[in-house]
PDB file of N, CA and C in Angstrom:
ATOM      1  N   MET A   1     -15.592  11.715  -6.959  1.00  0.00           N
ATOM      2  CA  MET A   1     -14.254  11.967  -7.442  1.00  0.00           C
ATOM      3  C   MET A   1     -14.154  11.675  -8.950  1.00  0.00           C
ATOM      4  N   LYS A   2     -14.833  10.614  -9.375  1.00  0.00           N
ATOM      5  CA  LYS A   2     -14.770  10.270 -10.797  1.00  0.00           C
ATOM      6  C   LYS A   2     -15.475  11.334 -11.640  1.00  0.00           C
ATOM      7  N   LEU A   3     -16.578  11.861 -11.130  1.00  0.00           N
ATOM      8  CA  LEU A   3     -17.261  12.929 -11.858  1.00  0.00           C
ATOM      9  C   LEU A   3     -16.391  14.178 -11.936  1.00  0.00           C
ATOM     10  N   LEU A   4     -15.699  14.474 -10.851  1.00  0.00           N
ATOM     11  CA  LEU A   4     -14.795  15.624 -10.843  1.00  0.00           C
ATOM     12  C   LEU A   4     -13.657  15.404 -11.845  1.00  0.00           C
ATOM     13  N   ALA A   5     -13.132  14.188 -11.880  1.00  0.00           N
ATOM     14  CA  ALA A   5     -12.073  13.869 -12.848  1.00  0.00           C
ATOM     15  C   ALA A   5     -12.587  14.006 -14.282  1.00  0.00           C
ATOM     16  N   LEU A   6     -13.818  13.553 -14.514  1.00  0.00           N
ATOM     17  CA  LEU A   6     -14.416  13.704 -15.839  1.00  0.00           C
ATOM     18  C   LEU A   6     -14.555  15.177 -16.224  1.00  0.00           C
ATOM     19  N   TRP A   7     -14.927  15.992 -15.263  1.00  0.00           N
ATOM     20  CA  TRP A   7     -15.060  17.425 -15.519  1.00  0.00           C
ATOM     21  C   TRP A   7     -13.706  18.026 -15.911  1.00  0.00           C
ATOM     22  N   PHE A   8     -12.659  17.617 -15.187  1.00  0.00           N
ATOM     23  CA  PHE A   8     -11.320  18.110 -15.527  1.00  0.00           C
ATOM     24  C   PHE A   8     -10.896  17.636 -16.916  1.00  0.00           C
ATOM     25  N   ILE A   9     -11.223  16.399 -17.255  1.00  0.00           N
ATOM     26  CA  ILE A   9     -10.880  15.882 -18.589  1.00  0.00           C
ATOM     27  C   ILE A   9     -11.611  16.675 -19.664  1.00  0.00           C
ATOM     28  N   ALA A  10     -12.883  16.986 -19.413  1.00  0.00           N
ATOM     29  CA  ALA A  10     -13.668  17.753 -20.387  1.00  0.00           C
ATOM     30  C   ALA A  10     -13.089  19.139 -20.619  1.00  0.00           C
ATOM     31  N   HIS A  11     -12.385  19.664 -19.619  1.00  0.00           N
ATOM     32  CA  HIS A  11     -11.778  20.983 -19.742  1.00  0.00           C
ATOM     33  C   HIS A  11     -10.290  20.914 -20.080  1.00  0.00           C
ATOM     34  N   GLY A  12      -9.816  19.717 -20.462  1.00  0.00           N
ATOM     35  CA  GLY A  12      -8.440  19.572 -20.936  1.00  0.00           C
ATOM     36  C   GLY A  12      -7.382  19.549 -19.852  1.00  0.00           C
ATOM     37  N   LYS A  13      -7.766  19.357 -18.623  1.00  0.00           N
ATOM     38  CA  LYS A  13      -6.802  19.328 -17.511  1.00  0.00           C
ATOM     39  C   LYS A  13      -6.549  17.869 -17.125  1.00  0.00           C
ATOM     40  N   TYR A  14      -5.770  17.188 -17.949  1.00  0.00           N
ATOM     41  CA  TYR A  14      -5.577  15.752 -17.803  1.00  0.00           C
ATOM     42  C   TYR A  14      -4.750  15.393 -16.568  1.00  0.00           C
ATOM     43  N   ALA A  15      -3.724  16.168 -16.273  1.00  0.00           N
ATOM     44  CA  ALA A  15      -2.892  15.874 -15.103  1.00  0.00           C
ATOM     45  C   ALA A  15      -3.701  16.041 -13.820  1.00  0.00           C
ATOM     46  N   THR A  16      -4.540  17.071 -13.781  1.00  0.00           N
ATOM     47  CA  THR A  16      -5.377  17.285 -12.604  1.00  0.00           C
ATOM     48  C   THR A  16      -6.380  16.145 -12.457  1.00  0.00           C
ATOM     49  N   ALA A  17      -6.937  15.687 -13.570  1.00  0.00           N
ATOM     50  CA  ALA A  17      -7.886  14.571 -13.536  1.00  0.00           C
ATOM     51  C   ALA A  17      -7.213  13.307 -13.016  1.00  0.00           C
ATOM     52  N   LEU A  18      -6.001  13.040 -13.478  1.00  0.00           N
ATOM     53  CA  LEU A  18      -5.265  11.872 -13.010  1.00  0.00           C
ATOM     54  C   LEU A  18      -4.966  11.981 -11.522  1.00  0.00           C
ATOM     55  N   THR A  19      -4.587  13.174 -11.079  1.00  0.00           N
ATOM     56  CA  THR A  19      -4.315  13.399  -9.660  1.00  0.00           C
ATOM     57  C   THR A  19      -5.568  13.158  -8.821  1.00  0.00           C
ATOM     58  N   VAL A  20      -6.712  13.656  -9.292  1.00  0.00           N
ATOM     59  CA  VAL A  20      -7.973  13.457  -8.575  1.00  0.00           C
ATOM     60  C   VAL A  20      -8.293  11.966  -8.483  1.00  0.00           C
ATOM     61  N   LEU A  21      -8.102  11.231  -9.569  1.00  0.00           N
ATOM     62  CA  LEU A  21      -8.367   9.791  -9.548  1.00  0.00           C
ATOM     63  C   LEU A  21      -7.448   9.059  -8.573  1.00  0.00           C
ATOM     64  N   ILE A  22      -6.171   9.408  -8.565  1.00  0.00           N
ATOM     65  CA  ILE A  22      -5.211   8.748  -7.670  1.00  0.00           C
ATOM     66  C   ILE A  22      -5.545   9.059  -6.216  1.00  0.00           C
ATOM     67  N   VAL A  23      -5.801  10.323  -5.913  1.00  0.00           N
ATOM     68  CA  VAL A  23      -6.143  10.706  -4.538  1.00  0.00           C
ATOM     69  C   VAL A  23      -7.440  10.024  -4.111  1.00  0.00           C
ATOM     70  N   GLY A  24      -8.418   9.963  -4.997  1.00  0.00           N
ATOM     71  CA  GLY A  24      -9.679   9.301  -4.691  1.00  0.00           C
ATOM     72  C   GLY A  24      -9.481   7.824  -4.380  1.00  0.00           C
ATOM     73  N   LYS A  25      -8.638   7.160  -5.167  1.00  0.00           N
ATOM     74  CA  LYS A  25      -8.356   5.744  -4.935  1.00  0.00           C
ATOM     75  C   LYS A  25      -7.658   5.550  -3.588  1.00  0.00           C
ATOM     76  N   MET A  26      -6.720   6.431  -3.261  1.00  0.00           N
ATOM     77  CA  MET A  26      -6.022   6.330  -1.981  1.00  0.00           C
ATOM     78  C   MET A  26      -6.978   6.548  -0.811  1.00  0.00           C
ATOM     79  N   LEU A  27      -7.845   7.534  -0.928  1.00  0.00           N
ATOM     80  CA  LEU A  27      -8.824   7.790   0.136  1.00  0.00           C
ATOM     81  C   LEU A  27      -9.774   6.610   0.309  1.00  0.00           C
ATOM     82  N   ALA A  28     -10.249   6.057  -0.793  1.00  0.00           N
ATOM     83  CA  ALA A  28     -11.155   4.913  -0.717  1.00  0.00           C
ATOM     84  C   ALA A  28     -10.479   3.727  -0.041  1.00  0.00           C
ATOM     85  N   THR A  29      -9.222   3.492  -0.383  1.00  0.00           N
ATOM     86  CA  THR A  29      -8.485   2.390   0.231  1.00  0.00           C
ATOM     87  C   THR A  29      -8.291   2.634   1.721  1.00  0.00           C
ATOM     88  N   ALA A  30      -7.954   3.852   2.097  1.00  0.00           N
ATOM     89  CA  ALA A  30      -7.757   4.177   3.510  1.00  0.00           C
ATOM     90  C   ALA A  30      -9.053   4.021   4.298  1.00  0.00           C
ATOM     91  N   ILE A  31     -10.155   4.468   3.727  1.00  0.00           N
ATOM     92  CA  ILE A  31     -11.446   4.357   4.418  1.00  0.00           C
ATOM     93  C   ILE A  31     -11.843   2.894   4.568  1.00  0.00           C
ATOM     94  N   LEU A  32     -11.670   2.115   3.516  1.00  0.00           N
ATOM     95  CA  LEU A  32     -12.016   0.700   3.574  1.00  0.00           C
ATOM     96  C   LEU A  32     -11.137  -0.045   4.585  1.00  0.00           C
ATOM     97  N   ALA A  33      -9.854   0.266   4.624  1.00  0.00           N
ATOM     98  CA  ALA A  33      -8.956  -0.371   5.584  1.00  0.00           C
ATOM     99  C   ALA A  33      -9.363  -0.023   7.017  1.00  0.00           C
ATOM    100  N   ARG A  34      -9.735   1.210   7.233  1.00  0.00           N
ATOM    101  CA  ARG A  34     -10.172   1.631   8.574  1.00  0.00           C
ATOM    102  C   ARG A  34     -11.465   0.916   8.974  1.00  0.00           C
ATOM    103  N   LEU A  35     -12.415   0.836   8.046  1.00  0.00           N
ATOM    104  CA  LEU A  35     -13.661   0.123   8.333  1.00  0.00           C
ATOM    105  C   LEU A  35     -13.397  -1.350   8.652  1.00  0.00           C
ATOM    106  N   TYR A  36     -12.511  -1.964   7.896  1.00  0.00           N
ATOM    107  CA  TYR A  36     -12.171  -3.371   8.153  1.00  0.00           C
ATOM    108  C   TYR A  36     -11.587  -3.528   9.538  1.00  0.00           C
ATOM    109  N   ARG A  37     -10.693  -2.637   9.899  1.00  0.00           N
ATOM    110  CA  ARG A  37     -10.047  -2.730  11.208  1.00  0.00           C
ATOM    111  C   ARG A  37     -11.060  -2.562  12.345  1.00  0.00           C
ATOM    112  N   VAL A  38     -11.995  -1.644  12.182  1.00  0.00           N
ATOM    113  CA  VAL A  38     -12.994  -1.383  13.221  1.00  0.00           C
ATOM    114  C   VAL A  38     -14.020  -2.517  13.283  1.00  0.00           C
ATOM    115  N   LEU A  39     -14.446  -3.019  12.127  1.00  0.00           N
ATOM    116  CA  LEU A  39     -15.531  -4.002  12.084  1.00  0.00           C
ATOM    117  C   LEU A  39     -15.065  -5.455  12.170  1.00  0.00           C
ATOM    118  N   ARG A  40     -13.778  -5.714  12.044  1.00  0.00           N
ATOM    119  CA  ARG A  40     -13.284  -7.090  12.013  1.00  0.00           C
ATOM    120  C   ARG A  40     -13.699  -7.918  13.222  1.00  0.00           C
ATOM    121  N   PRO A  41     -13.588  -7.412  14.458  1.00  0.00           N
ATOM    122  CA  PRO A  41     -14.001  -8.252  15.594  1.00  0.00           C
ATOM    123  C   PRO A  41     -15.464  -8.705  15.499  1.00  0.00           C
ATOM    124  N   THR A  42     -16.336  -7.829  15.067  1.00  0.00           N
ATOM    125  CA  THR A  42     -17.743  -8.197  14.921  1.00  0.00           C
ATOM    126  C   THR A  42     -17.926  -9.150  13.748  1.00  0.00           C
ATOM    127  N   LEU A  43     -17.251  -8.888  12.647  1.00  0.00           N
ATOM    128  CA  LEU A  43     -17.376  -9.755  11.477  1.00  0.00           C
ATOM    129  C   LEU A  43     -16.861 -11.172  11.750  1.00  0.00           C
ATOM    130  N   MET A  44     -15.868 -11.287  12.627  1.00  0.00           N
ATOM    131  CA  MET A  44     -15.311 -12.603  12.941  1.00  0.00           C
ATOM    132  C   MET A  44     -16.310 -13.492  13.676  1.00  0.00           C
ATOM    133  N   THR A  45     -17.417 -12.943  14.156  1.00  0.00           N
ATOM    134  CA  THR A  45     -18.454 -13.773  14.777  1.00  0.00           C
ATOM    135  C   THR A  45     -19.307 -14.483  13.732  1.00  0.00           C
ATOM    136  N   ILE A  46     -19.205 -14.062  12.470  1.00  0.00           N
ATOM    137  CA  ILE A  46     -19.909 -14.721  11.370  1.00  0.00           C
ATOM    138  C   ILE A  46     -19.005 -15.848  10.869  1.00  0.00           C
ATOM    139  N   ARG A  47     -19.532 -17.067  10.911  1.00  0.00           N
ATOM    140  CA  ARG A  47     -18.697 -18.237  10.654  1.00  0.00           C
ATOM    141  C   ARG A  47     -18.034 -18.224   9.276  1.00  0.00           C
ATOM    142  N   TRP A  48     -18.783 -17.934   8.212  1.00  0.00           N
ATOM    143  CA  TRP A  48     -18.199 -17.969   6.874  1.00  0.00           C
ATOM    144  C   TRP A  48     -17.160 -16.876   6.699  1.00  0.00           C
ATOM    145  N   PHE A  49     -17.389 -15.709   7.344  1.00  0.00           N
ATOM    146  CA  PHE A  49     -16.410 -14.629   7.237  1.00  0.00           C
ATOM    147  C   PHE A  49     -15.123 -15.007   7.968  1.00  0.00           C
ATOM    148  N   ALA A  50     -15.269 -15.596   9.154  1.00  0.00           N
ATOM    149  CA  ALA A  50     -14.087 -16.009   9.921  1.00  0.00           C
ATOM    150  C   ALA A  50     -13.272 -17.030   9.126  1.00  0.00           C
ATOM    151  N   TRP A  51     -13.965 -17.976   8.472  1.00  0.00           N
ATOM    152  CA  TRP A  51     -13.270 -18.972   7.656  1.00  0.00           C
ATOM    153  C   TRP A  51     -12.541 -18.306   6.492  1.00  0.00           C
ATOM    154  N   ALA A  52     -13.227 -17.421   5.764  1.00  0.00           N
ATOM    155  CA  ALA A  52     -12.633 -16.753   4.609  1.00  0.00           C
ATOM    156  C   ALA A  52     -11.452 -15.875   5.030  1.00  0.00           C
ATOM    157  N   ASP A  53     -11.609 -15.161   6.115  1.00  0.00           N
ATOM    158  CA  ASP A  53     -10.551 -14.280   6.608  1.00  0.00           C
ATOM    159  C   ASP A  53      -9.318 -15.090   7.005  1.00  0.00           C
ATOM    160  N   THR A  54      -9.532 -16.151   7.765  1.00  0.00           N
ATOM    161  CA  THR A  54      -8.425 -16.988   8.217  1.00  0.00           C
ATOM    162  C   THR A  54      -7.729 -17.664   7.037  1.00  0.00           C
ATOM    163  N   THR A  55      -8.520 -18.189   6.105  1.00  0.00           N
ATOM    164  CA  THR A  55      -7.954 -18.856   4.933  1.00  0.00           C
ATOM    165  C   THR A  55      -7.147 -17.882   4.076  1.00  0.00           C
ATOM    166  N   PHE A  56      -7.715 -16.709   3.818  1.00  0.00           N
ATOM    167  CA  PHE A  56      -7.024 -15.719   2.995  1.00  0.00           C
ATOM    168  C   PHE A  56      -5.689 -15.328   3.613  1.00  0.00           C
ATOM    169  N   PHE A  57      -5.680 -14.990   4.908  1.00  0.00           N
ATOM    170  CA  PHE A  57      -4.439 -14.537   5.536  1.00  0.00           C
ATOM    171  C   PHE A  57      -3.433 -15.668   5.702  1.00  0.00           C
ATOM    172  N   HIS A  58      -3.904 -16.902   5.849  1.00  0.00           N
ATOM    173  CA  HIS A  58      -2.991 -18.041   5.906  1.00  0.00           C
ATOM    174  C   HIS A  58      -2.225 -18.160   4.584  1.00  0.00           C
ATOM    175  N   TRP A  59      -2.965 -18.143   3.457  1.00  0.00           N
ATOM    176  CA  TRP A  59      -2.319 -18.261   2.150  1.00  0.00           C
ATOM    177  C   TRP A  59      -1.464 -17.045   1.826  1.00  0.00           C
ATOM    178  N   ARG A  60      -1.930 -15.856   2.224  1.00  0.00           N
ATOM    179  CA  ARG A  60      -1.132 -14.650   1.986  1.00  0.00           C
ATOM    180  C   ARG A  60       0.215 -14.758   2.701  1.00  0.00           C
ATOM    181  N   ASP A  61       0.187 -15.230   3.950  1.00  0.00           N
ATOM    182  CA  ASP A  61       1.424 -15.351   4.717  1.00  0.00           C
ATOM    183  C   ASP A  61       2.357 -16.401   4.121  1.00  0.00           C
ATOM    184  N   LYS A  62       1.786 -17.510   3.634  1.00  0.00           N
ATOM    185  CA  LYS A  62       2.624 -18.542   3.002  1.00  0.00           C
ATOM    186  C   LYS A  62       3.284 -18.019   1.729  1.00  0.00           C
ATOM    187  N   ILE A  63       2.530 -17.315   0.917  1.00  0.00           N
ATOM    188  CA  ILE A  63       3.068 -16.767  -0.327  1.00  0.00           C
ATOM    189  C   ILE A  63       4.124 -15.705  -0.031  1.00  0.00           C
ATOM    190  N   TYR A  64       3.850 -14.855   0.955  1.00  0.00           N
ATOM    191  CA  TYR A  64       4.810 -13.817   1.304  1.00  0.00           C
ATOM    192  C   TYR A  64       6.109 -14.432   1.845  1.00  0.00           C
ATOM    193  N   ALA A  65       5.996 -15.487   2.646  1.00  0.00           N
ATOM    194  CA  ALA A  65       7.192 -16.168   3.154  1.00  0.00           C
ATOM    195  C   ALA A  65       7.993 -16.771   1.997  1.00  0.00           C
ATOM    196  N   PHE A  66       7.301 -17.332   1.003  1.00  0.00           N
ATOM    197  CA  PHE A  66       7.992 -17.891  -0.161  1.00  0.00           C
ATOM    198  C   PHE A  66       8.737 -16.799  -0.926  1.00  0.00           C
ATOM    199  N   VAL A  67       8.062 -15.690  -1.168  1.00  0.00           N
ATOM    200  CA  VAL A  67       8.679 -14.589  -1.915  1.00  0.00           C
ATOM    201  C   VAL A  67       9.880 -14.043  -1.155  1.00  0.00           C
ATOM    202  N   LYS A  68       9.745 -13.902   0.171  1.00  0.00           N
ATOM    203  CA  LYS A  68      10.869 -13.393   0.967  1.00  0.00           C
ATOM    204  C   LYS A  68      12.062 -14.346   0.971  1.00  0.00           C
ATOM    205  N   SER A  69      11.829 -15.637   0.700  1.00  0.00           N
ATOM    206  CA  SER A  69      12.928 -16.605   0.688  1.00  0.00           C
ATOM    207  C   SER A  69      13.664 -16.624  -0.655  1.00  0.00           C
ATOM    208  N   LEU A  70      13.131 -15.964  -1.674  1.00  0.00           N
ATOM    209  CA  LEU A  70      13.776 -15.957  -2.988  1.00  0.00           C
ATOM    210  C   LEU A  70      15.067 -15.134  -2.955  1.00  0.00           C
ATOM    211  N   PRO A  71      16.102 -15.615  -3.632  1.00  0.00           N
ATOM    212  CA  PRO A  71      17.364 -14.869  -3.661  1.00  0.00           C
ATOM    213  C   PRO A  71      17.209 -13.458  -4.241  1.00  0.00           C
ATOM    214  N   ALA A  72      16.360 -13.297  -5.243  1.00  0.00           N
ATOM    215  CA  ALA A  72      16.170 -11.969  -5.842  1.00  0.00           C
ATOM    216  C   ALA A  72      15.586 -10.998  -4.813  1.00  0.00           C
ATOM    217  N   TRP A  73      14.652 -11.472  -4.002  1.00  0.00           N
ATOM    218  CA  TRP A  73      14.053 -10.625  -2.967  1.00  0.00           C
ATOM    219  C   TRP A  73      15.127 -10.216  -1.950  1.00  0.00           C
ATOM    220  N   GLN A  74      15.938 -11.175  -1.527  1.00  0.00           N
ATOM    221  CA  GLN A  74      16.970 -10.889  -0.532  1.00  0.00           C
ATOM    222  C   GLN A  74      18.020  -9.933  -1.082  1.00  0.00           C
ATOM    223  N   GLN A  75      18.394 -10.104  -2.349  1.00  0.00           N
ATOM    224  CA  GLN A  75      19.362  -9.189  -2.958  1.00  0.00           C
ATOM    225  C   GLN A  75      18.771  -7.793  -3.089  1.00  0.00           C
ATOM    226  N   GLY A  76      17.512  -7.713  -3.489  1.00  0.00           N
ATOM    227  CA  GLY A  76      16.862  -6.412  -3.598  1.00  0.00           C
ATOM    228  C   GLY A  76      16.769  -5.722  -2.258  1.00  0.00           C
ATOM    229  N   ARG A  77      16.435  -6.471  -1.230  1.00  0.00           N
ATOM    230  CA  ARG A  77      16.350  -5.901   0.127  1.00  0.00           C
ATOM    231  C   ARG A  77      17.719  -5.401   0.593  1.00  0.00           C
ATOM    232  N   GLU A  78      18.740  -6.186   0.309  1.00  0.00           N
ATOM    233  CA  GLU A  78      20.097  -5.788   0.682  1.00  0.00           C
ATOM    234  C   GLU A  78      20.506  -4.511  -0.053  1.00  0.00           C
ATOM    235  N   LEU A  79      20.173  -4.432  -1.325  1.00  0.00           N
ATOM    236  CA  LEU A  79      20.478  -3.237  -2.118  1.00  0.00           C
ATOM    237  C   LEU A  79      19.764  -2.006  -1.544  1.00  0.00           C
ATOM    238  N   ILE A  80      18.501  -2.170  -1.207  1.00  0.00           N
ATOM    239  CA  ILE A  80      17.734  -1.059  -0.634  1.00  0.00           C
ATOM    240  C   ILE A  80      18.335  -0.616   0.696  1.00  0.00           C
ATOM    241  N   LEU A  81      18.733  -1.569   1.535  1.00  0.00           N
ATOM    242  CA  LEU A  81      19.341  -1.207   2.823  1.00  0.00           C
ATOM    243  C   LEU A  81      20.664  -0.469   2.631  1.00  0.00           C
ATOM    244  N   ARG A  82      21.476  -0.918   1.644  1.00  0.00           N
ATOM    245  CA  ARG A  82      22.731  -0.216   1.375  1.00  0.00           C
ATOM    246  C   ARG A  82      22.488   1.195   0.863  1.00  0.00           C
ATOM    247  N   MET A  83      21.501   1.343  -0.040  1.00  0.00           N
ATOM    248  CA  MET A  83      21.166   2.672  -0.566  1.00  0.00           C
ATOM    249  C   MET A  83      20.656   3.582   0.552  1.00  0.00           C
ATOM    250  N   ARG A  84      19.822   3.034   1.431  1.00  0.00           N
ATOM    251  CA  ARG A  84      19.301   3.828   2.542  1.00  0.00           C
ATOM    252  C   ARG A  84      20.432   4.302   3.455  1.00  0.00           C
ATOM    253  N   THR A  85      21.380   3.408   3.744  1.00  0.00           N
ATOM    254  CA  THR A  85      22.524   3.775   4.575  1.00  0.00           C
ATOM    255  C   THR A  85      23.355   4.857   3.893  1.00  0.00           C
ATOM    256  N   TYR A  86      23.601   4.690   2.602  1.00  0.00           N
ATOM    257  CA  TYR A  86      24.378   5.673   1.847  1.00  0.00           C
ATOM    258  C   TYR A  86      23.682   7.035   1.840  1.00  0.00           C
ATOM    259  N   LEU A  87      22.394   7.035   1.545  1.00  0.00           N
ATOM    260  CA  LEU A  87      21.652   8.304   1.480  1.00  0.00           C
ATOM    261  C   LEU A  87      21.538   8.965   2.847  1.00  0.00           C
ATOM    262  N   THR A  88      21.401   8.150   3.904  1.00  0.00           N
ATOM    263  CA  THR A  88      21.358   8.718   5.253  1.00  0.00           C
ATOM    264  C   THR A  88      22.675   9.417   5.573  1.00  0.00           C
ATOM    265  N   GLY A  89      23.793   8.787   5.226  1.00  0.00           N
ATOM    266  CA  GLY A  89      25.098   9.399   5.447  1.00  0.00           C
ATOM    267  C   GLY A  89      25.271  10.664   4.604  1.00  0.00           C
ATOM    268  N   LEU A  90      24.785  10.641   3.383  1.00  0.00           N
ATOM    269  CA  LEU A  90      24.876  11.793   2.498  1.00  0.00           C
ATOM    270  C   LEU A  90      24.092  12.974   3.053  1.00  0.00           C
ATOM    271  N   VAL A  91      22.864  12.729   3.451  1.00  0.00           N
ATOM    272  CA  VAL A  91      22.028  13.798   3.986  1.00  0.00           C
ATOM    273  C   VAL A  91      22.574  14.294   5.310  1.00  0.00           C
ATOM    274  N   ALA A  92      23.048  13.382   6.154  1.00  0.00           N
ATOM    275  CA  ALA A  92      23.626  13.792   7.440  1.00  0.00           C
ATOM    276  C   ALA A  92      24.842  14.680   7.205  1.00  0.00           C
ATOM    277  N   GLY A  93      25.628  14.375   6.155  1.00  0.00           N
ATOM    278  CA  GLY A  93      26.782  15.205   5.827  1.00  0.00           C
ATOM    279  C   GLY A  93      26.400  16.596   5.403  1.00  0.00           C
ATOM    280  N   TRP A  94      25.273  16.752   4.739  1.00  0.00           N
ATOM    281  CA  TRP A  94      24.819  18.077   4.315  1.00  0.00           C
ATOM    282  C   TRP A  94      24.426  18.942   5.495  1.00  0.00           C
ATOM    283  N   PHE A  95      23.874  18.316   6.539  1.00  0.00           N
ATOM    284  CA  PHE A  95      23.376  19.094   7.669  1.00  0.00           C
ATOM    285  C   PHE A  95      24.314  19.086   8.870  1.00  0.00           C
ATOM    286  N   ALA A  96      25.514  18.545   8.690  1.00  0.00           N
ATOM    287  CA  ALA A  96      26.491  18.531   9.780  1.00  0.00           C
ATOM    288  C   ALA A  96      26.977  19.953  10.018  1.00  0.00           C
ATOM    289  N   ARG A  97      27.202  20.247  11.235  1.00  0.00           N
ATOM    290  CA  ARG A  97      27.654  21.604  11.580  1.00  0.00           C
ATOM    291  C   ARG A  97      29.103  21.745  11.475  1.00  0.00           C
TER     292      ARG A  97
END
């Protein structure tokens, strides 16, 4: 994908090159996530991996809980929910018979 992006850059197609890079990054992330999901049970039999995995997700969950408890996070979430409700009503009004 990077070589293809380089080729597009060499031919002056910068937006296409950026698109190729973004799509490539998304595909790589999706493939890696799928591999992790499939291989995790086997990897958890390796002691150091099980320790690292458990430690990482423990700290991730603690940090995420802290962030979710912040007033700014709660206000932002409330704003998003209100906007979603408003937009749902707006779109439903357009398609009402």
